[in-house]
C-alpha atoms as a PDB file:
ATOM      1  CA  MET A   1      22.993  -1.279  32.083  1.00  0.00           C
ATOM      2  CA  GLU A   2      23.622  -4.903  31.252  1.00  0.00           C
ATOM      3  CA  ILE A   3      25.319  -5.625  27.931  1.00  0.00           C
ATOM      4  CA  CYS A   4      24.048  -8.610  25.963  1.00  0.00           C
ATOM      5  CA  GLU A   5      25.267  -9.980  22.633  1.00  0.00           C
ATOM      6  CA  ILE A   6      22.893 -11.306  19.967  1.00  0.00           C
ATOM      7  CA  THR A   7      23.960 -13.417  16.999  1.00  0.00           C
ATOM      8  CA  ILE A   8      21.716 -13.342  13.928  1.00  0.00           C
ATOM      9  CA  ARG A   9      21.774 -15.523  10.807  1.00  0.00           C
ATOM     10  CA  THR A  10      20.544 -13.833   7.645  1.00  0.00           C
ATOM     11  CA  SER A  11      19.971 -14.995   4.082  1.00  0.00           C
ATOM     12  CA  GLU A  12      22.080 -12.136   2.721  1.00  0.00           C
ATOM     13  CA  LYS A  13      25.143 -10.355   4.005  1.00  0.00           C
ATOM     14  CA  PRO A  14      24.257  -6.956   5.509  1.00  0.00           C
ATOM     15  CA  THR A  15      26.263  -3.904   4.569  1.00  0.00           C
ATOM     16  CA  ASP A  16      28.294  -1.977   7.118  1.00  0.00           C
ATOM     17  CA  ALA A  17      25.682   0.804   7.052  1.00  0.00           C
ATOM     18  CA  GLN A  18      22.897  -1.699   7.769  1.00  0.00           C
ATOM     19  CA  ILE A  19      24.843  -3.233  10.666  1.00  0.00           C
ATOM     20  CA  LYS A  20      25.489   0.236  12.085  1.00  0.00           C
ATOM     21  CA  LYS A  21      21.780   1.132  11.793  1.00  0.00           C
ATOM     22  CA  ILE A  22      20.732  -2.096  13.571  1.00  0.00           C
ATOM     23  CA  GLN A  23      23.235  -1.468  16.367  1.00  0.00           C
ATOM     24  CA  GLU A  24      22.006   2.109  16.686  1.00  0.00           C
ATOM     25  CA  CYS A  25      18.380   0.935  17.018  1.00  0.00           C
ATOM     26  CA  PHE A  26      19.278  -1.644  19.661  1.00  0.00           C
ATOM     27  CA  THR A  27      21.190   0.880  21.751  1.00  0.00           C
ATOM     28  CA  GLU A  28      18.581   3.673  21.525  1.00  0.00           C
ATOM     29  CA  MET A  29      15.277   1.779  21.670  1.00  0.00           C
ATOM     30  CA  PRO A  30      13.748  -0.428  24.373  1.00  0.00           C
ATOM     31  CA  MET A  31      13.598  -4.145  23.540  1.00  0.00           C
ATOM     32  CA  ALA A  32       9.775  -4.204  23.705  1.00  0.00           C
ATOM     33  CA  GLU A  33       9.535  -1.526  20.991  1.00  0.00           C
ATOM     34  CA  ILE A  34      12.054  -3.337  18.796  1.00  0.00           C
ATOM     35  CA  LEU A  35      10.046  -6.563  19.074  1.00  0.00           C
ATOM     36  CA  LEU A  36       6.789  -4.743  18.255  1.00  0.00           C
ATOM     37  CA  GLY A  37       8.373  -3.253  15.144  1.00  0.00           C
ATOM     38  CA  LEU A  38       9.848  -6.588  14.053  1.00  0.00           C
ATOM     39  CA  ASN A  39       6.504  -8.315  14.565  1.00  0.00           C
ATOM     40  CA  PHE A  40       4.744  -5.651  12.475  1.00  0.00           C
ATOM     41  CA  ALA A  41       7.367  -5.938   9.728  1.00  0.00           C
ATOM     42  CA  LYS A  42       7.112  -9.743   9.722  1.00  0.00           C
ATOM     43  CA  ASN A  43       3.307  -9.656   9.465  1.00  0.00           C
ATOM     44  CA  ARG A  44       3.468  -7.097   6.657  1.00  0.00           C
ATOM     45  CA  TRP A  45       6.069  -9.138   4.786  1.00  0.00           C
ATOM     46  CA  THR A  46       3.956 -12.313   5.190  1.00  0.00           C
ATOM     47  CA  ALA A  47       0.853 -10.540   3.869  1.00  0.00           C
ATOM     48  CA  LYS A  48       2.805  -9.053   0.970  1.00  0.00           C
ATOM     49  CA  ASP A  49       4.300 -12.454   0.148  1.00  0.00           C
ATOM     50  CA  ALA A  50       0.829 -14.048   0.205  1.00  0.00           C
ATOM     51  CA  GLY A  51      -0.594 -11.273  -2.009  1.00  0.00           C
ATOM     52  CA  VAL A  52      -3.235 -10.155   0.488  1.00  0.00           C
ATOM     53  CA  LEU A  53      -1.675  -6.856   1.547  1.00  0.00           C
ATOM     54  CA  LYS A  54      -4.252  -4.108   1.149  1.00  0.00           C
ATOM     55  CA  VAL A  55      -2.829  -1.242  -0.819  1.00  0.00           C
ATOM     56  CA  GLY A  56      -3.370   2.421  -0.119  1.00  0.00           C
ATOM     57  CA  ARG A  57      -6.091   4.602  -1.576  1.00  0.00           C
ATOM     58  CA  LYS A  58      -3.850   6.242  -4.185  1.00  0.00           C
ATOM     59  CA  SER A  59      -2.828   2.864  -5.574  1.00  0.00           C
ATOM     60  CA  ILE A  60      -6.464   1.777  -5.807  1.00  0.00           C
ATOM     61  CA  ILE A  61      -7.459   4.944  -7.644  1.00  0.00           C
ATOM     62  CA  ASN A  62      -4.510   4.723 -10.036  1.00  0.00           C
ATOM     63  CA  LYS A  63      -5.342   1.078 -10.739  1.00  0.00           C
ATOM     64  CA  GLU A  64      -8.953   1.963 -11.599  1.00  0.00           C
ATOM     65  CA  ILE A  65      -8.243   4.988 -13.813  1.00  0.00           C
ATOM     66  CA  HIS A  66      -5.103   3.662 -15.506  1.00  0.00           C
ATOM     67  CA  SER A  67      -5.488   3.614 -19.321  1.00  0.00           C
ATOM     68  CA  VAL A  68      -9.196   4.518 -19.281  1.00  0.00           C
ATOM     69  CA  THR A  69     -10.146   6.512 -22.365  1.00  0.00           C
ATOM     70  CA  SER A  70     -12.484   9.497 -22.423  1.00  0.00           C
ATOM     71  CA  GLU A  71     -15.277   7.378 -23.936  1.00  0.00           C
ATOM     72  CA  GLN A  72     -14.853   4.682 -21.300  1.00  0.00           C
ATOM     73  CA  ALA A  73     -14.964   7.308 -18.537  1.00  0.00           C
ATOM     74  CA  GLN A  74     -18.180   8.742 -19.996  1.00  0.00           C
ATOM     75  CA  TRP A  75     -19.764   5.266 -20.146  1.00  0.00           C
ATOM     76  CA  ARG A  76     -18.782   4.560 -16.548  1.00  0.00           C
ATOM     77  CA  LEU A  77     -20.273   7.856 -15.410  1.00  0.00           C
ATOM     78  CA  LYS A  78     -23.538   7.110 -17.268  1.00  0.00           C
ATOM     79  CA  ASN A  79     -23.697   3.716 -15.530  1.00  0.00           C
ATOM     80  CA  TRP A  80     -22.450   4.980 -12.210  1.00  0.00           C
ATOM     81  CA  LYS A  81     -24.900   3.054  -9.995  1.00  0.00           C
ATOM     82  CA  MET A  82     -23.643  -0.212 -11.460  1.00  0.00           C
ATOM     83  CA  MET A  83     -20.043   0.934 -11.012  1.00  0.00           C
ATOM     84  CA  ILE A  84     -20.696   1.758  -7.328  1.00  0.00           C
ATOM     85  CA  ALA A  85     -22.105  -1.738  -6.786  1.00  0.00           C
ATOM     86  CA  ASN A  86     -19.000  -3.279  -8.375  1.00  0.00           C
ATOM     87  CA  TYR A  87     -16.646  -1.106  -6.337  1.00  0.00           C
ATOM     88  CA  ARG A  88     -18.476  -1.957  -3.101  1.00  0.00           C
ATOM     89  CA  LYS A  89     -18.131  -5.671  -3.941  1.00  0.00           C
ATOM     90  CA  LEU A  90     -14.395  -5.069  -4.270  1.00  0.00           C
ATOM     91  CA  GLY A  91     -14.450  -3.545  -0.781  1.00  0.00           C
ATOM     92  CA  TYR A  92     -13.738   0.063  -1.717  1.00  0.00           C
ATOM     93  CA  SER A  93     -14.914   2.738   0.700  1.00  0.00           C
ATOM     94  CA  TYR A  94     -17.275   5.512  -0.375  1.00  0.00           C
ATOM     95  CA  PRO A  95     -14.544   8.200  -0.144  1.00  0.00           C
ATOM     96  CA  THR A  96     -12.368   6.097  -2.476  1.00  0.00           C
ATOM     97  CA  ILE A  97     -15.273   5.609  -4.895  1.00  0.00           C
ATOM     98  CA  SER A  98     -15.990   9.351  -4.939  1.00  0.00           C
ATOM     99  CA  ARG A  99     -12.338  10.056  -5.718  1.00  0.00           C
ATOM    100  CA  ILE A 100     -12.481   7.568  -8.605  1.00  0.00           C
ATOM    101  CA  LYS A 101     -15.598   9.337  -9.900  1.00  0.00           C
ATOM    102  CA  LYS A 102     -13.826  12.692  -9.677  1.00  0.00           C
ATOM    103  CA  HIS A 103     -11.023  11.350 -11.878  1.00  0.00           C
ATOM    104  CA  PHE A 104     -13.547   9.894 -14.352  1.00  0.00           C
ATOM    105  CA  ILE A 105     -15.215  13.308 -14.624  1.00  0.00           C
ATOM    106  CA  GLU A 106     -11.846  14.882 -15.425  1.00  0.00           C
ATOM    107  CA  LEU A 107     -11.065  12.135 -17.945  1.00  0.00           C
ATOM    108  CA  SER A 108     -14.469  12.437 -19.644  1.00  0.00           C
ATOM    109  CA  LYS A 109     -13.848  16.148 -20.309  1.00  0.00           C
ATOM    110  CA  LYS A 110     -10.585  15.445 -22.119  1.00  0.00           C
ATOM    111  CA  ARG A 111     -10.662  14.722 -25.815  1.00  0.00           C
ATOM    112  CA  THR A 112      -9.130  11.506 -27.071  1.00  0.00           C
ATOM    113  CA  ARG A 113      -6.482  11.880 -29.709  1.00  0.00           C
END
């Protein structure tokens, strides 16, 4: 096995634990896999920095049901066809929309204080 040394410049000083983890990855993993992972991480970071990273389903649902009152949930359920059209315009999938509806049904049953 050929030993090669790589010098890296970073914007912040890594901790000893981080250096050890990087060294461990480079010794255990093939270079092709390391480059694939770095490329994925770079693309994800770029998308996150640009604000276009698509969030997961749970985040979408929490965003939609956050601070919705019982009355608002009832109104949304009464006008559900319009709500579906709006959610589809936002790019939500039907399983996500049905999960949102499920939460609205639960919210509509609760009494507001």
